[in-house]
Amino acid sequence: MGDFWTEKQKQDIDFFNENLEKWVSDSFYRLKFIIISGREIKGFYDTFEAALSFAARNFKAGEYIIQQILPENETVNFLSPALALV
């Protein structure tokens, strides 16, 4: 991972990767968007927009990650500072 991730985000990504196989195999979680902060699940959402809306209202940039629950080879990462440009 590049230096653009905070240490907290790196830990959250590790937590996501540690649990990804379990979530992908469960049809309830597959394709949902998950918010993780402090290695804790903060919610599962049907859309990225819903997850981002909740996270932006409740956390500071750099304090959370949002990931879609997809097989590992299909995972895409977004940085919250990049989203501020939209």
Protein backbone atom coordinates (compact mmCIF):
# COMPACT_ATOMS: atom_id res chain seq x y z
CA MET A 1 0.00 0.00 0.00
CA GLY A 2 1.21 3.50 -0.73
CA ASP A 3 2.03 6.18 1.80
CA PHE A 4 -1.28 7.94 1.17
CA TRP A 5 -3.10 5.62 3.62
CA THR A 6 -3.13 6.61 7.28
CA GLU A 7 -1.96 3.99 9.77
CA LYS A 8 -5.57 3.65 10.96
CA GLN A 9 -6.79 3.06 7.40
CA LYS A 10 -4.09 0.42 6.86
CA GLN A 11 -5.32 -1.41 9.95
CA ASP A 12 -8.91 -1.15 8.72
CA ILE A 13 -7.92 -2.52 5.29
CA ASP A 14 -6.15 -5.41 7.02
CA PHE A 15 -9.35 -6.09 9.00
CA PHE A 16 -11.38 -5.98 5.78
CA ASN A 17 -9.02 -8.40 4.03
CA GLU A 18 -8.98 -10.75 7.03
CA ASN A 19 -12.80 -11.06 6.86
CA LEU A 20 -13.43 -10.66 3.13
CA GLU A 21 -13.74 -14.36 2.32
CA LYS A 22 -16.39 -14.81 5.01
CA TRP A 23 -18.44 -11.85 3.76
CA VAL A 24 -18.13 -12.74 0.06
CA SER A 25 -19.42 -16.24 0.76
CA ASP A 26 -22.56 -14.87 2.47
CA SER A 27 -25.20 -13.67 -0.02
CA PHE A 28 -26.48 -11.10 2.52
CA TYR A 29 -23.16 -9.22 2.55
CA ARG A 30 -21.90 -9.84 -1.00
CA LEU A 31 -21.94 -6.64 -3.12
CA LYS A 32 -22.77 -4.41 -0.14
CA PHE A 33 -20.57 -1.51 0.92
CA ILE A 34 -19.03 -1.70 4.38
CA ILE A 35 -17.75 1.12 6.57
CA ILE A 36 -14.89 0.17 8.89
CA SER A 37 -13.30 2.43 11.49
CA GLY A 38 -10.89 1.31 14.19
CA ARG A 39 -11.15 -2.32 13.00
CA GLU A 40 -14.88 -2.19 13.78
CA ILE A 41 -17.79 -2.53 11.39
CA LYS A 42 -19.83 0.67 11.37
CA GLY A 43 -22.44 -0.49 8.87
CA PHE A 44 -23.34 -2.28 5.65
CA TYR A 45 -25.04 -0.32 2.85
CA ASP A 46 -26.59 -1.21 -0.49
CA THR A 47 -24.98 1.72 -2.30
CA PHE A 48 -21.68 3.56 -2.14
CA GLU A 49 -23.57 6.85 -1.93
CA ALA A 50 -25.45 5.73 1.21
CA ALA A 51 -22.23 4.52 2.85
CA LEU A 52 -20.36 7.71 1.97
CA SER A 53 -23.22 9.91 3.19
CA PHE A 54 -23.24 8.16 6.58
CA ALA A 55 -19.43 8.14 6.90
CA ALA A 56 -19.05 11.80 5.92
CA ARG A 57 -21.57 12.84 8.58
CA ASN A 58 -20.09 10.69 11.34
CA PHE A 59 -16.32 10.47 10.82
CA LYS A 60 -13.41 12.72 9.92
CA ALA A 61 -11.53 12.04 6.69
CA GLY A 62 -8.88 9.40 7.30
CA GLU A 63 -10.82 7.79 10.16
CA TYR A 64 -12.69 5.21 8.08
CA ILE A 65 -12.66 3.14 4.93
CA ILE A 66 -15.52 2.15 2.66
CA GLN A 67 -15.12 -1.07 0.69
CA GLN A 68 -17.46 -3.04 -1.49
CA ILE A 69 -17.66 -6.71 -0.61
CA LEU A 70 -16.41 -8.37 -3.78
CA PRO A 71 -14.00 -11.20 -4.46
CA GLU A 72 -10.47 -10.03 -3.68
CA ASN A 73 -9.42 -9.67 -7.31
CA GLU A 74 -12.32 -7.25 -7.95
CA THR A 75 -11.82 -4.90 -4.96
CA VAL A 76 -11.31 -1.18 -5.69
CA ASN A 77 -9.99 1.31 -3.10
CA PHE A 78 -11.02 4.97 -2.89
CA LEU A 79 -9.35 7.62 -0.76
CA SER A 80 -11.58 10.07 1.10
CA PRO A 81 -9.43 13.11 0.05
CA ALA A 82 -9.99 12.14 -3.59
CA LEU A 83 -13.74 12.04 -3.02
CA ALA A 84 -13.63 15.63 -1.77
CA LEU A 85 -12.65 16.66 -5.30
CA VAL A 86 -15.93 15.38 -6.75
